[in-house]
Amino acid sequence: MEEMVVEALLFGDRQAQLLAARQLGQFSSKQRHKIVEKGIVPPLILMLSTNDYEVIEAALFALLSIAFRSERNKILIAKSGAIPVLLDVLQCENELLVELGVAALLTLSSCASNKLEIAASGTIPLLLELLNSQAYNSMSLQANLDILSILHNLSTCHQLIPSIVSSGGVATLLGLISLASETKTEGEVIVEKAMVLLENIVSLSRIGLEEAAGTDGAIQCLVEAMEEGSRQCKEDAVAILLLICESCRERYRGMILREGAMAELLQLSVDGTRRARDNAKRLLLLLRDRSHCSPKNKQPKNILLLEHVMRQIEQGVGERAGMSVALLEEMISKLRT
């Protein structure tokens, strides 16, 4: 059976190749490994270059099956010229093929040896274009998540982050976060994935941080995500806002305050994840206005409350000294009105 599949892929006509490609997924990983050694990857890639959608689909499934859990096969597929051909598949008009092509590219991008080659082929601008275009609305949730996963895989190769930024990656992610936030359930998963990628970019790259901080509407988007997102989303949003504020407190402190971040930061300092609590307290300290010199009895009541809370946070007493939750709730309520 294995020899027949190899012969069909190497020398068969359309129908023989189609059937052989479909049979590959039925073999064990050991059998697929033996078949790959017979040189069947190049003919599978050639099948991707046809205009026959049925043949392309079969070849994509075959490549996915032989790449599964095999770093060697992932490298072999990439070195055999699959990446440019997969990018062509991503630009076809068949949604299923686009989604299969994205899945194949994701599998290849999980291999560290393939990342530079994938980026060099022009993958990053194309993926961002797919996220920006109407294709975002027509592709499945999984396809959009796969695209974000590919970009995340590439971003772990730090030298590729400038390419993601220069291709408009930061603006795309912020736009995606804003758009996806309007829908619950599915949108929440997209927001979480996009936020993780955005934090990775801004935490590892100065140019990424500057791009995020300087993008119109970015701070508003992050504050809204911090207010309305999942626990994971809140954690990532406050981490990004902290990085932005730390980069230039004088410039961004007022911008963050004007978006009404204080109430949610106080809330997160009490009931967020451990990382969110720590970062919220650090950001609150940066946002605190130490410049006023007016007597305490002339300060607005909520400013006095905030100062009291901030002194406790700054001194690190917090829950250890029994910081009043009621006081925090009063402060949060006043800030939200």
C-alpha atoms as a PDB file:
ATOM      1  CA  MET A   1       0.000   0.000   0.000  1.00  0.00           C
ATOM      2  CA  GLU A   2       2.771   2.444   0.906  1.00  0.00           C
ATOM      3  CA  GLU A   3       4.645   1.762  -2.344  1.00  0.00           C
ATOM      4  CA  MET A   4       1.464   2.288  -4.351  1.00  0.00           C
ATOM      5  CA  VAL A   5       0.897   5.685  -2.714  1.00  0.00           C
ATOM      6  CA  VAL A   6       4.475   6.745  -3.421  1.00  0.00           C
ATOM      7  CA  GLU A   7       4.287   5.615  -7.047  1.00  0.00           C
ATOM      8  CA  ALA A   8       0.950   7.364  -7.550  1.00  0.00           C
ATOM      9  CA  LEU A   9       2.236  10.663  -6.136  1.00  0.00           C
ATOM     10  CA  LEU A  10       5.473  10.531  -8.123  1.00  0.00           C
ATOM     11  CA  PHE A  11       4.184   9.256 -11.469  1.00  0.00           C
ATOM     12  CA  GLY A  12       0.387   9.073 -11.381  1.00  0.00           C
ATOM     13  CA  ASP A  13      -2.207  11.122 -13.211  1.00  0.00           C
ATOM     14  CA  ARG A  14      -4.573  13.556 -11.482  1.00  0.00           C
ATOM     15  CA  GLN A  15      -6.946  10.912 -10.146  1.00  0.00           C
ATOM     16  CA  ALA A  16      -4.157   8.669  -8.877  1.00  0.00           C
ATOM     17  CA  GLN A  17      -2.443  11.584  -7.091  1.00  0.00           C
ATOM     18  CA  LEU A  18      -5.738  12.715  -5.599  1.00  0.00           C
ATOM     19  CA  LEU A  19      -6.478   9.291  -4.139  1.00  0.00           C
ATOM     20  CA  ALA A  20      -2.897   8.832  -2.916  1.00  0.00           C
ATOM     21  CA  ALA A  21      -2.874  12.217  -1.168  1.00  0.00           C
ATOM     22  CA  ARG A  22      -6.105  11.335   0.607  1.00  0.00           C
ATOM     23  CA  GLN A  23      -4.704   8.000   1.725  1.00  0.00           C
ATOM     24  CA  LEU A  24      -1.714   9.604   3.424  1.00  0.00           C
ATOM     25  CA  GLY A  25      -3.823  10.738   6.356  1.00  0.00           C
ATOM     26  CA  GLN A  26      -4.831   7.154   7.062  1.00  0.00           C
ATOM     27  CA  PHE A  27      -1.288   5.937   7.682  1.00  0.00           C
ATOM     28  CA  SER A  28       0.464   5.862  11.041  1.00  0.00           C
ATOM     29  CA  SER A  29       3.160   8.409  11.796  1.00  0.00           C
ATOM     30  CA  LYS A  30       5.812   5.723  11.274  1.00  0.00           C
ATOM     31  CA  GLN A  31       4.391   4.849   7.850  1.00  0.00           C
ATOM     32  CA  ARG A  32       4.187   8.523   6.853  1.00  0.00           C
ATOM     33  CA  HIS A  33       7.806   8.968   7.880  1.00  0.00           C
ATOM     34  CA  LYS A  34       8.868   6.160   5.548  1.00  0.00           C
ATOM     35  CA  ILE A  35       6.781   7.551   2.702  1.00  0.00           C
ATOM     36  CA  VAL A  36       8.261  11.036   3.099  1.00  0.00           C
ATOM     37  CA  GLU A  37      11.746   9.549   2.687  1.00  0.00           C
ATOM     38  CA  LYS A  38      10.669   8.338  -0.764  1.00  0.00           C
ATOM     39  CA  GLY A  39      10.449  11.948  -2.018  1.00  0.00           C
ATOM     40  CA  ILE A  40       6.706  12.604  -2.018  1.00  0.00           C
ATOM     41  CA  VAL A  41       6.867  16.174  -0.626  1.00  0.00           C
ATOM     42  CA  PRO A  42       7.814  17.915  -3.932  1.00  0.00           C
ATOM     43  CA  PRO A  43       4.906  16.370  -5.879  1.00  0.00           C
ATOM     44  CA  LEU A  44       2.501  17.368  -3.106  1.00  0.00           C
ATOM     45  CA  ILE A  45       3.745  20.952  -3.358  1.00  0.00           C
ATOM     46  CA  LEU A  46       3.318  20.828  -7.142  1.00  0.00           C
ATOM     47  CA  MET A  47      -0.287  19.779  -6.557  1.00  0.00           C
ATOM     48  CA  LEU A  48      -0.781  23.058  -4.660  1.00  0.00           C
ATOM     49  CA  SER A  49       0.213  24.992  -7.773  1.00  0.00           C
ATOM     50  CA  THR A  50      -2.694  23.753  -9.878  1.00  0.00           C
ATOM     51  CA  ASN A  51      -6.021  25.505 -10.419  1.00  0.00           C
ATOM     52  CA  ASP A  52      -7.852  22.387  -9.303  1.00  0.00           C
ATOM     53  CA  TYR A  53      -9.356  23.117  -5.876  1.00  0.00           C
ATOM     54  CA  GLU A  54     -10.050  19.443  -5.160  1.00  0.00           C
ATOM     55  CA  VAL A  55      -6.411  18.535  -5.782  1.00  0.00           C
ATOM     56  CA  ILE A  56      -5.164  21.479  -3.701  1.00  0.00           C
ATOM     57  CA  GLU A  57      -7.391  20.473  -0.794  1.00  0.00           C
ATOM     58  CA  ALA A  58      -6.121  16.890  -0.847  1.00  0.00           C
ATOM     59  CA  ALA A  59      -2.503  18.061  -1.003  1.00  0.00           C
ATOM     60  CA  LEU A  60      -3.001  20.456   1.920  1.00  0.00           C
ATOM     61  CA  PHE A  61      -4.486  17.732   4.089  1.00  0.00           C
ATOM     62  CA  ALA A  62      -1.600  15.438   3.123  1.00  0.00           C
ATOM     63  CA  LEU A  63       1.039  18.039   4.003  1.00  0.00           C
ATOM     64  CA  LEU A  64      -0.669  18.739   7.324  1.00  0.00           C
ATOM     65  CA  SER A  65      -0.667  15.034   8.153  1.00  0.00           C
ATOM     66  CA  ILE A  66       3.020  14.501   7.405  1.00  0.00           C
ATOM     67  CA  ALA A  67       4.034  17.706   9.245  1.00  0.00           C
ATOM     68  CA  PHE A  68       2.105  16.750  12.370  1.00  0.00           C
ATOM     69  CA  ARG A  69       4.516  16.332  15.302  1.00  0.00           C
ATOM     70  CA  SER A  70       7.550  16.100  13.034  1.00  0.00           C
ATOM     71  CA  GLU A  71      10.044  18.957  13.133  1.00  0.00           C
ATOM     72  CA  ARG A  72      12.098  17.250  10.443  1.00  0.00           C
ATOM     73  CA  ASN A  73       9.145  17.084   8.071  1.00  0.00           C
ATOM     74  CA  LYS A  74       8.231  20.702   8.769  1.00  0.00           C
ATOM     75  CA  ILE A  75      11.727  21.761   7.787  1.00  0.00           C
ATOM     76  CA  LEU A  76      11.673  19.518   4.720  1.00  0.00           C
ATOM     77  CA  ILE A  77       8.341  20.937   3.543  1.00  0.00           C
ATOM     78  CA  ALA A  78       9.617  24.496   3.905  1.00  0.00           C
ATOM     79  CA  LYS A  79      12.925  23.754   2.168  1.00  0.00           C
ATOM     80  CA  SER A  80      11.029  22.075  -0.685  1.00  0.00           C
ATOM     81  CA  GLY A  81       9.456  25.420  -1.589  1.00  0.00           C
ATOM     82  CA  ALA A  82       6.073  25.155   0.114  1.00  0.00           C
ATOM     83  CA  ILE A  83       5.943  28.610   1.683  1.00  0.00           C
ATOM     84  CA  PRO A  84       5.553  30.776  -1.471  1.00  0.00           C
ATOM     85  CA  VAL A  85       2.995  28.319  -2.817  1.00  0.00           C
ATOM     86  CA  LEU A  86       1.043  28.435   0.449  1.00  0.00           C
ATOM     87  CA  LEU A  87       0.965  32.220   0.222  1.00  0.00           C
ATOM     88  CA  ASP A  88      -0.615  31.870  -3.222  1.00  0.00           C
ATOM     89  CA  VAL A  89      -3.227  29.560  -1.700  1.00  0.00           C
ATOM     90  CA  LEU A  90      -3.989  32.233   0.921  1.00  0.00           C
ATOM     91  CA  GLN A  91      -4.925  34.607  -1.889  1.00  0.00           C
ATOM     92  CA  CYS A  92      -7.336  32.286  -3.682  1.00  0.00           C
ATOM     93  CA  GLU A  93     -11.104  32.757  -3.593  1.00  0.00           C
ATOM     94  CA  ASN A  94     -11.939  29.466  -1.921  1.00  0.00           C
ATOM     95  CA  GLU A  95     -12.464  29.999   1.814  1.00  0.00           C
ATOM     96  CA  LEU A  96     -11.806  26.385   2.780  1.00  0.00           C
ATOM     97  CA  LEU A  97      -8.479  26.377   0.950  1.00  0.00           C
ATOM     98  CA  VAL A  98      -7.499  29.670   2.553  1.00  0.00           C
ATOM     99  CA  GLU A  99      -8.222  28.244   5.987  1.00  0.00           C
ATOM    100  CA  LEU A 100      -6.315  25.037   5.247  1.00  0.00           C
ATOM    101  CA  GLY A 101      -3.423  27.089   3.898  1.00  0.00           C
ATOM    102  CA  VAL A 102      -3.372  29.146   7.103  1.00  0.00           C
ATOM    103  CA  ALA A 103      -3.378  25.933   9.165  1.00  0.00           C
ATOM    104  CA  ALA A 104      -0.444  24.565   7.148  1.00  0.00           C
ATOM    105  CA  LEU A 105       1.491  27.805   7.555  1.00  0.00           C
ATOM    106  CA  LEU A 106       0.809  27.759  11.297  1.00  0.00           C
ATOM    107  CA  THR A 107       2.228  24.240  11.529  1.00  0.00           C
ATOM    108  CA  LEU A 108       5.380  25.276   9.664  1.00  0.00           C
ATOM    109  CA  SER A 109       5.781  28.460  11.739  1.00  0.00           C
ATOM    110  CA  SER A 110       5.868  26.440  14.959  1.00  0.00           C
ATOM    111  CA  CYS A 111       9.314  25.212  13.889  1.00  0.00           C
ATOM    112  CA  ALA A 112      12.056  27.680  14.863  1.00  0.00           C
ATOM    113  CA  SER A 113      14.140  26.797  11.793  1.00  0.00           C
ATOM    114  CA  ASN A 114      11.359  27.990   9.458  1.00  0.00           C
ATOM    115  CA  LYS A 115      10.570  31.389  10.961  1.00  0.00           C
ATOM    116  CA  LEU A 116      13.063  33.545   9.067  1.00  0.00           C
ATOM    117  CA  GLU A 117      12.216  31.868   5.778  1.00  0.00           C
ATOM    118  CA  ILE A 118       8.491  32.350   6.366  1.00  0.00           C
ATOM    119  CA  ALA A 119       8.970  36.043   7.108  1.00  0.00           C
ATOM    120  CA  ALA A 120      11.328  36.541   4.150  1.00  0.00           C
ATOM    121  CA  SER A 121       8.641  35.247   1.780  1.00  0.00           C
ATOM    122  CA  GLY A 122       6.346  38.196   2.539  1.00  0.00           C
ATOM    123  CA  THR A 123       4.063  36.329   4.903  1.00  0.00           C
ATOM    124  CA  ILE A 124       3.662  39.066   7.523  1.00  0.00           C
ATOM    125  CA  PRO A 125       2.081  41.760   5.282  1.00  0.00           C
ATOM    126  CA  LEU A 126      -0.227  39.179   3.715  1.00  0.00           C
ATOM    127  CA  LEU A 127      -1.460  37.891   7.069  1.00  0.00           C
ATOM    128  CA  LEU A 128      -2.073  41.428   8.310  1.00  0.00           C
ATOM    129  CA  GLU A 129      -3.924  42.190   5.101  1.00  0.00           C
ATOM    130  CA  LEU A 130      -6.197  39.209   5.722  1.00  0.00           C
ATOM    131  CA  LEU A 131      -6.933  40.457   9.233  1.00  0.00           C
ATOM    132  CA  ASN A 132      -7.608  43.967   7.939  1.00  0.00           C
ATOM    133  CA  SER A 133      -9.743  43.008   4.974  1.00  0.00           C
ATOM    134  CA  GLN A 134     -13.260  41.762   4.552  1.00  0.00           C
ATOM    135  CA  ALA A 135     -11.768  38.296   4.720  1.00  0.00           C
ATOM    136  CA  TYR A 136     -11.773  38.745   8.506  1.00  0.00           C
ATOM    137  CA  ASN A 137     -15.556  38.628   8.500  1.00  0.00           C
ATOM    138  CA  SER A 138     -15.839  35.657   6.147  1.00  0.00           C
ATOM    139  CA  MET A 139     -13.115  33.452   7.622  1.00  0.00           C
ATOM    140  CA  SER A 140     -13.908  31.157  10.510  1.00  0.00           C
ATOM    141  CA  LEU A 141     -12.962  32.006  14.068  1.00  0.00           C
ATOM    142  CA  GLN A 142     -10.298  29.283  13.952  1.00  0.00           C
ATOM    143  CA  ALA A 143      -8.695  30.750  10.823  1.00  0.00           C
ATOM    144  CA  ASN A 144      -8.406  34.177  12.455  1.00  0.00           C
ATOM    145  CA  LEU A 145      -6.956  32.644  15.597  1.00  0.00           C
ATOM    146  CA  ASP A 146      -4.493  30.655  13.453  1.00  0.00           C
ATOM    147  CA  ILE A 147      -3.321  33.845  11.736  1.00  0.00           C
ATOM    148  CA  LEU A 148      -2.712  35.492  15.105  1.00  0.00           C
ATOM    149  CA  SER A 149      -0.866  32.358  16.226  1.00  0.00           C
ATOM    150  CA  ILE A 150       1.390  32.483  13.165  1.00  0.00           C
ATOM    151  CA  LEU A 151       2.242  36.125  13.904  1.00  0.00           C
ATOM    152  CA  HIS A 152       2.885  35.228  17.533  1.00  0.00           C
ATOM    153  CA  ASN A 153       5.186  32.375  16.509  1.00  0.00           C
ATOM    154  CA  LEU A 154       7.117  34.766  14.288  1.00  0.00           C
ATOM    155  CA  SER A 155       7.265  37.427  17.018  1.00  0.00           C
ATOM    156  CA  THR A 156       9.140  35.017  19.286  1.00  0.00           C
ATOM    157  CA  CYS A 157      12.013  35.495  16.844  1.00  0.00           C
ATOM    158  CA  HIS A 158      12.849  38.963  18.134  1.00  0.00           C
ATOM    159  CA  GLN A 159      14.529  40.150  14.955  1.00  0.00           C
ATOM    160  CA  LEU A 160      11.186  39.797  13.136  1.00  0.00           C
ATOM    161  CA  ILE A 161       9.251  42.163  15.415  1.00  0.00           C
ATOM    162  CA  PRO A 162      10.349  45.292  13.474  1.00  0.00           C
ATOM    163  CA  SER A 163       8.900  43.696  10.336  1.00  0.00           C
ATOM    164  CA  ILE A 164       5.578  43.130  12.100  1.00  0.00           C
ATOM    165  CA  VAL A 165       5.566  46.736  13.323  1.00  0.00           C
ATOM    166  CA  SER A 166       6.621  48.276   9.997  1.00  0.00           C
ATOM    167  CA  SER A 167       3.926  46.269   8.202  1.00  0.00           C
ATOM    168  CA  GLY A 168       1.251  47.882  10.369  1.00  0.00           C
ATOM    169  CA  GLY A 169       0.916  45.072  12.883  1.00  0.00           C
ATOM    170  CA  VAL A 170       0.295  47.275  15.918  1.00  0.00           C
ATOM    171  CA  ALA A 171      -2.516  49.255  14.284  1.00  0.00           C
ATOM    172  CA  THR A 172      -4.041  46.032  12.960  1.00  0.00           C
ATOM    173  CA  LEU A 173      -4.050  44.429  16.402  1.00  0.00           C
ATOM    174  CA  LEU A 174      -5.564  47.508  18.046  1.00  0.00           C
ATOM    175  CA  GLY A 175      -8.240  47.650  15.362  1.00  0.00           C
ATOM    176  CA  LEU A 176      -8.944  43.961  15.820  1.00  0.00           C
ATOM    177  CA  ILE A 177      -9.236  44.379  19.580  1.00  0.00           C
ATOM    178  CA  SER A 178     -11.709  47.234  19.156  1.00  0.00           C
ATOM    179  CA  LEU A 179     -13.738  45.395  16.517  1.00  0.00           C
ATOM    180  CA  ALA A 180     -13.800  42.033  18.265  1.00  0.00           C
ATOM    181  CA  SER A 181     -14.682  43.662  21.602  1.00  0.00           C
ATOM    182  CA  GLU A 182     -18.083  44.548  20.154  1.00  0.00           C
ATOM    183  CA  THR A 183     -19.054  40.870  20.063  1.00  0.00           C
ATOM    184  CA  LYS A 184     -19.031  38.514  23.021  1.00  0.00           C
ATOM    185  CA  THR A 185     -17.868  34.902  23.233  1.00  0.00           C
ATOM    186  CA  GLU A 186     -16.074  34.553  19.881  1.00  0.00           C
ATOM    187  CA  GLY A 187     -14.863  38.140  20.009  1.00  0.00           C
ATOM    188  CA  GLU A 188     -13.420  37.645  23.476  1.00  0.00           C
ATOM    189  CA  VAL A 189     -11.176  34.843  22.239  1.00  0.00           C
ATOM    190  CA  ILE A 190      -9.900  37.050  19.397  1.00  0.00           C
ATOM    191  CA  VAL A 191      -9.273  39.949  21.805  1.00  0.00           C
ATOM    192  CA  GLU A 192      -7.302  37.728  24.189  1.00  0.00           C
ATOM    193  CA  LYS A 193      -5.155  36.356  21.372  1.00  0.00           C
ATOM    194  CA  ALA A 194      -4.533  39.793  19.863  1.00  0.00           C
ATOM    195  CA  MET A 195      -3.745  41.296  23.262  1.00  0.00           C
ATOM    196  CA  VAL A 196      -1.168  38.608  24.064  1.00  0.00           C
ATOM    197  CA  LEU A 197       0.544  39.265  20.738  1.00  0.00           C
ATOM    198  CA  LEU A 198       0.455  43.038  21.253  1.00  0.00           C
ATOM    199  CA  GLU A 199       1.988  42.726  24.700  1.00  0.00           C
ATOM    200  CA  ASN A 200       4.701  40.476  23.290  1.00  0.00           C
ATOM    201  CA  ILE A 201       5.533  43.082  20.661  1.00  0.00           C
ATOM    202  CA  VAL A 202       5.634  46.103  22.997  1.00  0.00           C
ATOM    203  CA  SER A 203       7.526  44.285  25.760  1.00  0.00           C
ATOM    204  CA  LEU A 204      10.263  42.991  23.457  1.00  0.00           C
ATOM    205  CA  SER A 205      10.683  45.933  21.102  1.00  0.00           C
ATOM    206  CA  ARG A 206      11.212  49.636  21.746  1.00  0.00           C
ATOM    207  CA  ILE A 207       9.936  50.434  18.273  1.00  0.00           C
ATOM    208  CA  GLY A 208       6.838  48.347  18.967  1.00  0.00           C
ATOM    209  CA  LEU A 209       6.237  50.170  22.240  1.00  0.00           C
ATOM    210  CA  GLU A 210       6.613  53.570  20.588  1.00  0.00           C
ATOM    211  CA  GLU A 211       4.256  52.558  17.799  1.00  0.00           C
ATOM    212  CA  ALA A 212       1.613  51.359  20.258  1.00  0.00           C
ATOM    213  CA  ALA A 213       1.900  54.459  22.420  1.00  0.00           C
ATOM    214  CA  GLY A 214       1.727  56.803  19.443  1.00  0.00           C
ATOM    215  CA  THR A 215      -1.178  55.167  17.591  1.00  0.00           C
ATOM    216  CA  ASP A 216      -4.367  57.242  17.684  1.00  0.00           C
ATOM    217  CA  GLY A 217      -6.948  55.670  19.936  1.00  0.00           C
ATOM    218  CA  ALA A 218      -4.540  53.115  21.376  1.00  0.00           C
ATOM    219  CA  ILE A 219      -4.838  54.188  24.999  1.00  0.00           C
ATOM    220  CA  GLN A 220      -8.625  54.419  24.758  1.00  0.00           C
ATOM    221  CA  CYS A 221      -8.717  50.931  23.249  1.00  0.00           C
ATOM    222  CA  LEU A 222      -6.532  49.499  26.014  1.00  0.00           C
ATOM    223  CA  VAL A 223      -8.491  51.169  28.800  1.00  0.00           C
ATOM    224  CA  GLU A 224     -11.754  49.837  27.359  1.00  0.00           C
ATOM    225  CA  ALA A 225     -10.237  46.359  27.136  1.00  0.00           C
ATOM    226  CA  MET A 226      -9.091  46.694  30.733  1.00  0.00           C
ATOM    227  CA  GLU A 227     -12.635  47.637  31.760  1.00  0.00           C
ATOM    228  CA  GLU A 228     -14.662  45.190  29.703  1.00  0.00           C
ATOM    229  CA  GLY A 229     -12.394  42.277  28.821  1.00  0.00           C
ATOM    230  CA  SER A 230     -11.820  38.875  30.399  1.00  0.00           C
ATOM    231  CA  ARG A 231      -9.462  38.474  33.339  1.00  0.00           C
ATOM    232  CA  GLN A 232      -6.642  37.546  30.956  1.00  0.00           C
ATOM    233  CA  CYS A 233      -7.425  40.515  28.728  1.00  0.00           C
ATOM    234  CA  LYS A 234      -7.439  42.910  31.694  1.00  0.00           C
ATOM    235  CA  GLU A 235      -4.084  41.527  32.801  1.00  0.00           C
ATOM    236  CA  ASP A 236      -2.488  42.087  29.402  1.00  0.00           C
ATOM    237  CA  ALA A 237      -4.088  45.510  28.896  1.00  0.00           C
ATOM    238  CA  VAL A 238      -2.817  46.898  32.195  1.00  0.00           C
ATOM    239  CA  ALA A 239       0.647  45.470  31.450  1.00  0.00           C
ATOM    240  CA  ILE A 240       0.742  47.328  28.120  1.00  0.00           C
ATOM    241  CA  LEU A 241      -0.522  50.571  29.688  1.00  0.00           C
ATOM    242  CA  LEU A 242       2.165  50.278  32.357  1.00  0.00           C
ATOM    243  CA  LEU A 243       4.869  49.884  29.704  1.00  0.00           C
ATOM    244  CA  ILE A 244       3.527  52.918  27.844  1.00  0.00           C
ATOM    245  CA  CYS A 245       3.426  55.062  30.978  1.00  0.00           C
ATOM    246  CA  GLU A 246       6.890  53.940  32.072  1.00  0.00           C
ATOM    247  CA  SER A 247       8.280  54.884  28.667  1.00  0.00           C
ATOM    248  CA  CYS A 248       7.352  58.554  29.222  1.00  0.00           C
ATOM    249  CA  ARG A 249       5.261  59.343  32.279  1.00  0.00           C
ATOM    250  CA  GLU A 250       5.042  63.059  31.540  1.00  0.00           C
ATOM    251  CA  ARG A 251       3.568  62.431  28.114  1.00  0.00           C
ATOM    252  CA  TYR A 252       1.173  59.570  28.751  1.00  0.00           C
ATOM    253  CA  ARG A 253       0.031  60.027  32.353  1.00  0.00           C
ATOM    254  CA  GLY A 254      -2.608  62.611  31.472  1.00  0.00           C
ATOM    255  CA  MET A 255      -3.774  60.663  28.425  1.00  0.00           C
ATOM    256  CA  ILE A 256      -4.387  57.541  30.499  1.00  0.00           C
ATOM    257  CA  LEU A 257      -6.194  59.493  33.211  1.00  0.00           C
ATOM    258  CA  ARG A 258      -8.438  61.245  30.680  1.00  0.00           C
ATOM    259  CA  GLU A 259      -9.662  57.851  29.472  1.00  0.00           C
ATOM    260  CA  GLY A 260     -10.940  57.103  32.972  1.00  0.00           C
ATOM    261  CA  ALA A 261      -8.522  54.320  33.814  1.00  0.00           C
ATOM    262  CA  MET A 262      -8.287  55.021  37.535  1.00  0.00           C
ATOM    263  CA  ALA A 263     -11.452  53.246  38.670  1.00  0.00           C
ATOM    264  CA  GLU A 264     -10.627  49.996  36.899  1.00  0.00           C
ATOM    265  CA  LEU A 265      -7.018  50.126  38.067  1.00  0.00           C
ATOM    266  CA  LEU A 266      -8.182  50.393  41.650  1.00  0.00           C
ATOM    267  CA  GLN A 267     -10.550  47.486  41.072  1.00  0.00           C
ATOM    268  CA  LEU A 268      -7.770  45.383  39.538  1.00  0.00           C
ATOM    269  CA  SER A 269      -5.470  46.226  42.449  1.00  0.00           C
ATOM    270  CA  VAL A 270      -7.983  44.386  44.650  1.00  0.00           C
ATOM    271  CA  ASP A 271      -9.477  41.551  42.616  1.00  0.00           C
ATOM    272  CA  GLY A 272      -7.344  41.097  39.489  1.00  0.00           C
ATOM    273  CA  THR A 273      -4.949  38.243  38.849  1.00  0.00           C
ATOM    274  CA  ARG A 274      -1.722  38.432  40.836  1.00  0.00           C
ATOM    275  CA  ARG A 275       0.123  39.930  37.870  1.00  0.00           C
ATOM    276  CA  ALA A 276      -2.729  42.349  37.167  1.00  0.00           C
ATOM    277  CA  ARG A 277      -2.782  43.470  40.823  1.00  0.00           C
ATOM    278  CA  ASP A 278       0.953  44.126  40.851  1.00  0.00           C
ATOM    279  CA  ASN A 279       0.923  46.024  37.563  1.00  0.00           C
ATOM    280  CA  ALA A 280      -2.208  47.986  38.483  1.00  0.00           C
ATOM    281  CA  LYS A 281      -0.547  49.185  41.702  1.00  0.00           C
ATOM    282  CA  ARG A 282       2.610  50.153  39.825  1.00  0.00           C
ATOM    283  CA  LEU A 283       0.601  52.066  37.250  1.00  0.00           C
ATOM    284  CA  LEU A 284      -1.477  53.791  39.937  1.00  0.00           C
ATOM    285  CA  LEU A 285       1.717  55.052  41.526  1.00  0.00           C
ATOM    286  CA  LEU A 286       2.880  56.423  38.184  1.00  0.00           C
ATOM    287  CA  LEU A 287      -0.463  58.102  37.587  1.00  0.00           C
ATOM    288  CA  ARG A 288      -0.520  59.739  41.014  1.00  0.00           C
ATOM    289  CA  ASP A 289      -0.101  63.517  40.835  1.00  0.00           C
ATOM    290  CA  ARG A 290       2.617  64.473  43.279  1.00  0.00           C
ATOM    291  CA  SER A 291       2.856  68.059  42.093  1.00  0.00           C
ATOM    292  CA  HIS A 292      -0.065  69.621  43.956  1.00  0.00           C
ATOM    293  CA  CYS A 293       0.753  71.687  47.045  1.00  0.00           C
ATOM    294  CA  SER A 294      -2.698  72.798  48.133  1.00  0.00           C
ATOM    295  CA  PRO A 295      -3.793  72.116  51.715  1.00  0.00           C
ATOM    296  CA  LYS A 296      -5.613  68.860  52.267  1.00  0.00           C
ATOM    297  CA  ASN A 297      -8.781  70.586  53.422  1.00  0.00           C
ATOM    298  CA  LYS A 298      -9.076  72.329  50.056  1.00  0.00           C
ATOM    299  CA  GLN A 299      -8.712  69.190  47.974  1.00  0.00           C
ATOM    300  CA  PRO A 300     -11.794  67.434  46.531  1.00  0.00           C
ATOM    301  CA  LYS A 301     -12.993  64.550  48.689  1.00  0.00           C
ATOM    302  CA  ASN A 302     -12.281  61.886  46.064  1.00  0.00           C
ATOM    303  CA  ILE A 303      -8.731  63.183  45.679  1.00  0.00           C
ATOM    304  CA  LEU A 304      -8.247  62.802  49.434  1.00  0.00           C
ATOM    305  CA  LEU A 305      -9.628  59.257  49.225  1.00  0.00           C
ATOM    306  CA  LEU A 306      -7.338  58.464  46.335  1.00  0.00           C
ATOM    307  CA  GLU A 307      -4.336  59.861  48.182  1.00  0.00           C
ATOM    308  CA  HIS A 308      -5.167  57.705  51.189  1.00  0.00           C
ATOM    309  CA  VAL A 309      -5.412  54.585  49.060  1.00  0.00           C
ATOM    310  CA  MET A 310      -2.271  55.445  47.139  1.00  0.00           C
ATOM    311  CA  ARG A 311      -0.267  55.964  50.323  1.00  0.00           C
ATOM    312  CA  GLN A 312      -1.212  52.476  51.451  1.00  0.00           C
ATOM    313  CA  ILE A 313      -0.358  50.997  48.049  1.00  0.00           C
ATOM    314  CA  GLU A 314       2.945  52.912  47.963  1.00  0.00           C
ATOM    315  CA  GLN A 315       3.870  51.717  51.448  1.00  0.00           C
ATOM    316  CA  GLY A 316       3.016  48.155  50.438  1.00  0.00           C
ATOM    317  CA  VAL A 317       0.591  47.554  53.274  1.00  0.00           C
ATOM    318  CA  GLY A 318      -2.509  46.771  51.222  1.00  0.00           C
ATOM    319  CA  GLU A 319      -4.290  43.652  52.325  1.00  0.00           C
ATOM    320  CA  ARG A 320      -1.629  42.851  54.953  1.00  0.00           C
ATOM    321  CA  ALA A 321      -2.705  45.853  57.031  1.00  0.00           C
ATOM    322  CA  GLY A 322      -6.362  45.375  56.246  1.00  0.00           C
ATOM    323  CA  MET A 323      -6.801  48.172  53.710  1.00  0.00           C
ATOM    324  CA  SER A 324     -10.499  48.910  53.688  1.00  0.00           C
ATOM    325  CA  VAL A 325     -12.270  47.276  50.788  1.00  0.00           C
ATOM    326  CA  ALA A 326     -15.206  49.568  51.547  1.00  0.00           C
ATOM    327  CA  LEU A 327     -12.910  52.564  51.070  1.00  0.00           C
ATOM    328  CA  LEU A 328     -11.754  51.232  47.733  1.00  0.00           C
ATOM    329  CA  GLU A 329     -15.299  50.535  46.609  1.00  0.00           C
ATOM    330  CA  GLU A 330     -16.281  54.081  47.602  1.00  0.00           C
ATOM    331  CA  MET A 331     -13.345  55.455  45.652  1.00  0.00           C
ATOM    332  CA  ILE A 332     -14.168  53.329  42.615  1.00  0.00           C
ATOM    333  CA  SER A 333     -17.828  54.333  42.739  1.00  0.00           C
ATOM    334  CA  LYS A 334     -16.982  58.030  42.909  1.00  0.00           C
ATOM    335  CA  LEU A 335     -14.510  57.758  40.024  1.00  0.00           C
ATOM    336  CA  ARG A 336     -17.096  56.013  37.857  1.00  0.00           C
ATOM    337  CA  THR A 337     -19.779  58.633  38.385  1.00  0.00           C
END
